[in-house]
Amino acid sequence: SYRALPDFGVNDTEKARVNDIFSVRETAGHMVDAIEGRARAFVQVQNGCDHRCTFCIIPYGRGNSRSVPMGAVVEQVKRLSGNGYAEI
């Protein structure tokens, strides 16, 4: 049982706080300029999933579906194209 595990500073009467992944509404704001050693680049346009298939962990790891704003996608494609990528 978990009672036999070493003390990690939380006892069985305390409650651990877990962030709610389903409350996240935005996508990551980072942009990739180049991927070293690659001929083609990929642009993320969506993250997460709204389906709850019994076999899949994606909604619980990435949250509900969120789309990257079109302007951010276009900016990313322009940046990658300007860095020499012909396939995006």
N, C-alpha and C. Protein backbone atom coordinates (compact mmCIF):
# COMPACT_ATOMS: atom_id res chain seq x y z
N SER A 1 0.83 -1.19 0.00
CA SER A 1 0.00 0.00 0.00
C SER A 1 0.87 1.25 0.00
N TYR A 2 0.25 2.40 -0.27
CA TYR A 2 1.02 3.64 -0.31
C TYR A 2 1.54 4.03 1.06
N ARG A 3 0.95 3.50 2.12
CA ARG A 3 1.42 3.81 3.47
C ARG A 3 2.82 3.25 3.73
N ALA A 4 3.23 2.26 2.94
CA ALA A 4 4.56 1.67 3.10
C ALA A 4 5.64 2.46 2.36
N LEU A 5 5.24 3.44 1.56
CA LEU A 5 6.20 4.26 0.82
C LEU A 5 6.89 5.25 1.75
N PRO A 6 8.06 5.74 1.35
CA PRO A 6 8.75 6.75 2.17
C PRO A 6 7.90 8.01 2.31
N ASP A 7 8.19 8.79 3.35
CA ASP A 7 7.45 10.03 3.60
C ASP A 7 7.86 11.08 2.58
N PHE A 8 6.90 11.57 1.80
CA PHE A 8 7.16 12.62 0.82
C PHE A 8 6.62 13.97 1.29
N GLY A 9 6.27 14.09 2.54
CA GLY A 9 5.80 15.35 3.08
C GLY A 9 4.31 15.57 2.96
N VAL A 10 3.57 14.59 2.49
CA VAL A 10 2.11 14.68 2.39
C VAL A 10 1.54 13.47 3.09
N ASN A 11 0.66 13.70 4.05
CA ASN A 11 0.07 12.55 4.73
C ASN A 11 -1.31 12.25 4.16
N ASP A 12 -1.91 11.18 4.62
CA ASP A 12 -3.18 10.73 4.03
C ASP A 12 -4.37 11.61 4.42
N THR A 13 -4.19 12.59 5.29
CA THR A 13 -5.29 13.50 5.63
C THR A 13 -5.19 14.81 4.85
N GLU A 14 -4.04 15.07 4.23
CA GLU A 14 -3.87 16.29 3.44
C GLU A 14 -4.39 16.07 2.02
N LYS A 15 -4.81 17.14 1.39
CA LYS A 15 -5.25 17.07 0.00
C LYS A 15 -4.23 17.77 -0.87
N ALA A 16 -3.90 17.15 -1.98
CA ALA A 16 -2.97 17.75 -2.93
C ALA A 16 -3.75 18.58 -3.93
N ARG A 17 -3.22 19.75 -4.28
CA ARG A 17 -3.88 20.60 -5.27
C ARG A 17 -3.35 20.23 -6.66
N VAL A 18 -4.24 20.00 -7.58
CA VAL A 18 -3.88 19.65 -8.95
C VAL A 18 -4.49 20.70 -9.87
N ASN A 19 -3.67 21.25 -10.77
CA ASN A 19 -4.19 22.22 -11.73
C ASN A 19 -5.20 21.55 -12.65
N ASP A 20 -6.19 22.29 -13.06
CA ASP A 20 -7.24 21.78 -13.94
C ASP A 20 -6.87 22.05 -15.40
N ILE A 21 -6.39 21.03 -16.10
CA ILE A 21 -5.96 21.18 -17.49
C ILE A 21 -7.12 21.63 -18.38
N PHE A 22 -8.34 21.31 -18.01
CA PHE A 22 -9.49 21.67 -18.83
C PHE A 22 -9.84 23.15 -18.75
N SER A 23 -9.24 23.88 -17.80
CA SER A 23 -9.51 25.31 -17.68
C SER A 23 -8.60 26.14 -18.58
N VAL A 24 -7.58 25.52 -19.18
CA VAL A 24 -6.65 26.25 -20.05
C VAL A 24 -7.35 26.59 -21.36
N ARG A 25 -7.31 27.85 -21.76
CA ARG A 25 -8.01 28.30 -22.97
C ARG A 25 -7.07 28.73 -24.09
N GLU A 26 -5.80 29.01 -23.77
CA GLU A 26 -4.88 29.48 -24.80
C GLU A 26 -3.90 28.37 -25.19
N THR A 27 -3.22 28.59 -26.31
CA THR A 27 -2.18 27.66 -26.74
C THR A 27 -0.84 28.25 -26.37
N ALA A 28 0.21 27.46 -26.48
CA ALA A 28 1.55 27.95 -26.18
C ALA A 28 1.90 29.07 -27.15
N GLY A 29 2.53 30.12 -26.65
CA GLY A 29 2.82 31.27 -27.48
C GLY A 29 4.18 31.26 -28.14
N HIS A 30 4.93 30.19 -28.02
CA HIS A 30 6.28 30.18 -28.58
C HIS A 30 6.27 29.97 -30.09
N MET A 31 7.29 30.49 -30.74
CA MET A 31 7.46 30.33 -32.19
C MET A 31 8.81 29.68 -32.45
N VAL A 32 8.86 28.81 -33.42
CA VAL A 32 10.09 28.13 -33.79
C VAL A 32 10.66 28.81 -35.02
N ASP A 33 11.93 29.23 -34.95
CA ASP A 33 12.59 29.87 -36.10
C ASP A 33 13.16 28.85 -37.06
N ALA A 34 13.72 27.78 -36.54
CA ALA A 34 14.34 26.76 -37.39
C ALA A 34 14.47 25.47 -36.61
N ILE A 35 14.52 24.38 -37.33
CA ILE A 35 14.72 23.06 -36.73
C ILE A 35 15.98 22.51 -37.38
N GLU A 36 17.05 22.50 -36.63
CA GLU A 36 18.36 22.14 -37.16
C GLU A 36 18.37 20.75 -37.80
N GLY A 37 18.90 20.69 -39.01
CA GLY A 37 19.06 19.42 -39.71
C GLY A 37 17.79 18.89 -40.36
N ARG A 38 16.76 19.72 -40.44
CA ARG A 38 15.49 19.27 -41.03
C ARG A 38 15.19 20.02 -42.32
N ALA A 39 14.60 19.33 -43.29
CA ALA A 39 14.26 19.94 -44.58
C ALA A 39 12.86 20.54 -44.57
N ARG A 40 12.00 20.05 -43.69
CA ARG A 40 10.64 20.58 -43.64
C ARG A 40 10.31 20.95 -42.20
N ALA A 41 9.38 21.88 -42.06
CA ALA A 41 8.99 22.37 -40.75
C ALA A 41 7.49 22.12 -40.54
N PHE A 42 7.11 22.05 -39.30
CA PHE A 42 5.71 21.83 -38.95
C PHE A 42 5.22 23.00 -38.10
N VAL A 43 3.98 23.39 -38.30
CA VAL A 43 3.37 24.48 -37.55
C VAL A 43 2.17 23.91 -36.80
N GLN A 44 2.16 24.09 -35.50
CA GLN A 44 1.03 23.61 -34.71
C GLN A 44 -0.13 24.59 -34.85
N VAL A 45 -1.30 24.09 -35.20
CA VAL A 45 -2.47 24.94 -35.37
C VAL A 45 -3.56 24.63 -34.34
N GLN A 46 -3.41 23.54 -33.62
CA GLN A 46 -4.42 23.12 -32.65
C GLN A 46 -3.75 22.26 -31.59
N ASN A 47 -4.27 22.29 -30.38
CA ASN A 47 -3.77 21.45 -29.30
C ASN A 47 -4.95 20.95 -28.49
N GLY A 48 -4.85 19.74 -27.97
CA GLY A 48 -5.91 19.17 -27.15
C GLY A 48 -6.95 18.42 -27.97
N CYS A 49 -7.99 17.98 -27.28
CA CYS A 49 -9.06 17.21 -27.92
C CYS A 49 -10.32 17.28 -27.07
N ASP A 50 -11.46 17.41 -27.73
CA ASP A 50 -12.74 17.48 -27.02
C ASP A 50 -13.40 16.12 -26.85
N HIS A 51 -12.86 15.09 -27.49
CA HIS A 51 -13.45 13.75 -27.39
C HIS A 51 -12.90 13.05 -26.15
N ARG A 52 -13.63 12.12 -25.63
CA ARG A 52 -13.22 11.38 -24.44
C ARG A 52 -13.25 9.89 -24.73
N CYS A 53 -12.42 9.47 -25.69
CA CYS A 53 -12.35 8.05 -26.03
C CYS A 53 -11.82 7.28 -24.81
N THR A 54 -12.38 6.14 -24.54
CA THR A 54 -12.01 5.40 -23.34
C THR A 54 -10.56 4.96 -23.32
N PHE A 55 -9.93 4.83 -24.47
CA PHE A 55 -8.55 4.35 -24.55
C PHE A 55 -7.52 5.47 -24.61
N CYS A 56 -7.94 6.73 -24.64
CA CYS A 56 -7.02 7.82 -24.95
C CYS A 56 -6.78 8.75 -23.76
N ILE A 57 -5.53 9.14 -23.56
CA ILE A 57 -5.13 10.02 -22.47
C ILE A 57 -4.98 11.48 -22.91
N ILE A 58 -5.00 11.75 -24.22
CA ILE A 58 -4.72 13.09 -24.76
C ILE A 58 -5.54 14.19 -24.09
N PRO A 59 -6.86 14.06 -23.95
CA PRO A 59 -7.61 15.16 -23.33
C PRO A 59 -7.16 15.46 -21.90
N TYR A 60 -6.67 14.47 -21.21
CA TYR A 60 -6.26 14.66 -19.82
C TYR A 60 -4.83 15.18 -19.71
N GLY A 61 -4.04 14.99 -20.76
CA GLY A 61 -2.68 15.50 -20.77
C GLY A 61 -2.56 16.86 -21.42
N ARG A 62 -3.42 17.13 -22.41
CA ARG A 62 -3.33 18.39 -23.16
C ARG A 62 -4.56 19.28 -23.01
N GLY A 63 -5.61 18.76 -22.41
CA GLY A 63 -6.81 19.57 -22.19
C GLY A 63 -7.75 19.58 -23.39
N ASN A 64 -8.74 20.45 -23.30
CA ASN A 64 -9.72 20.59 -24.38
C ASN A 64 -9.07 21.20 -25.62
N SER A 65 -9.71 21.03 -26.76
CA SER A 65 -9.19 21.54 -28.02
C SER A 65 -9.11 23.07 -28.00
N ARG A 66 -7.95 23.58 -28.43
CA ARG A 66 -7.72 25.01 -28.54
C ARG A 66 -7.01 25.27 -29.86
N SER A 67 -7.48 26.23 -30.62
CA SER A 67 -6.86 26.57 -31.90
C SER A 67 -5.92 27.75 -31.74
N VAL A 68 -4.81 27.70 -32.46
CA VAL A 68 -3.88 28.82 -32.51
C VAL A 68 -4.51 29.90 -33.39
N PRO A 69 -4.47 31.17 -33.00
CA PRO A 69 -5.06 32.22 -33.83
C PRO A 69 -4.44 32.23 -35.23
N MET A 70 -5.27 32.49 -36.25
CA MET A 70 -4.81 32.44 -37.64
C MET A 70 -3.62 33.36 -37.88
N GLY A 71 -3.63 34.54 -37.31
CA GLY A 71 -2.53 35.47 -37.49
C GLY A 71 -1.21 34.91 -36.99
N ALA A 72 -1.25 34.18 -35.87
CA ALA A 72 -0.03 33.57 -35.33
C ALA A 72 0.47 32.46 -36.24
N VAL A 73 -0.46 31.71 -36.83
CA VAL A 73 -0.07 30.64 -37.77
C VAL A 73 0.58 31.24 -39.01
N VAL A 74 -0.02 32.29 -39.56
CA VAL A 74 0.53 32.94 -40.75
C VAL A 74 1.92 33.51 -40.44
N GLU A 75 2.07 34.14 -39.28
CA GLU A 75 3.37 34.69 -38.87
C GLU A 75 4.42 33.59 -38.77
N GLN A 76 4.05 32.46 -38.19
CA GLN A 76 4.98 31.33 -38.07
C GLN A 76 5.39 30.81 -39.44
N VAL A 77 4.44 30.67 -40.36
CA VAL A 77 4.75 30.19 -41.71
C VAL A 77 5.68 31.17 -42.42
N LYS A 78 5.42 32.46 -42.31
CA LYS A 78 6.29 33.46 -42.93
C LYS A 78 7.70 33.39 -42.36
N ARG A 79 7.81 33.23 -41.05
CA ARG A 79 9.12 33.15 -40.40
C ARG A 79 9.89 31.92 -40.88
N LEU A 80 9.22 30.78 -40.93
CA LEU A 80 9.88 29.55 -41.38
C LEU A 80 10.25 29.63 -42.86
N SER A 81 9.36 30.21 -43.67
CA SER A 81 9.65 30.37 -45.10
C SER A 81 10.85 31.29 -45.30
N GLY A 82 10.91 32.35 -44.52
CA GLY A 82 12.04 33.26 -44.59
C GLY A 82 13.35 32.64 -44.16
N ASN A 83 13.27 31.57 -43.38
CA ASN A 83 14.47 30.86 -42.93
C ASN A 83 14.84 29.71 -43.87
N GLY A 84 14.18 29.66 -45.04
CA GLY A 84 14.60 28.71 -46.06
C GLY A 84 13.79 27.44 -46.18
N TYR A 85 12.76 27.28 -45.40
CA TYR A 85 11.94 26.07 -45.50
C TYR A 85 10.99 26.16 -46.69
N ALA A 86 11.05 25.19 -47.58
CA ALA A 86 10.16 25.15 -48.73
C ALA A 86 8.93 24.30 -48.44
N GLU A 87 9.04 23.40 -47.47
CA GLU A 87 7.92 22.52 -47.09
C GLU A 87 7.53 22.83 -45.66
N ILE A 88 6.29 23.28 -45.49
CA ILE A 88 5.81 23.62 -44.15
C ILE A 88 4.48 22.94 -43.95
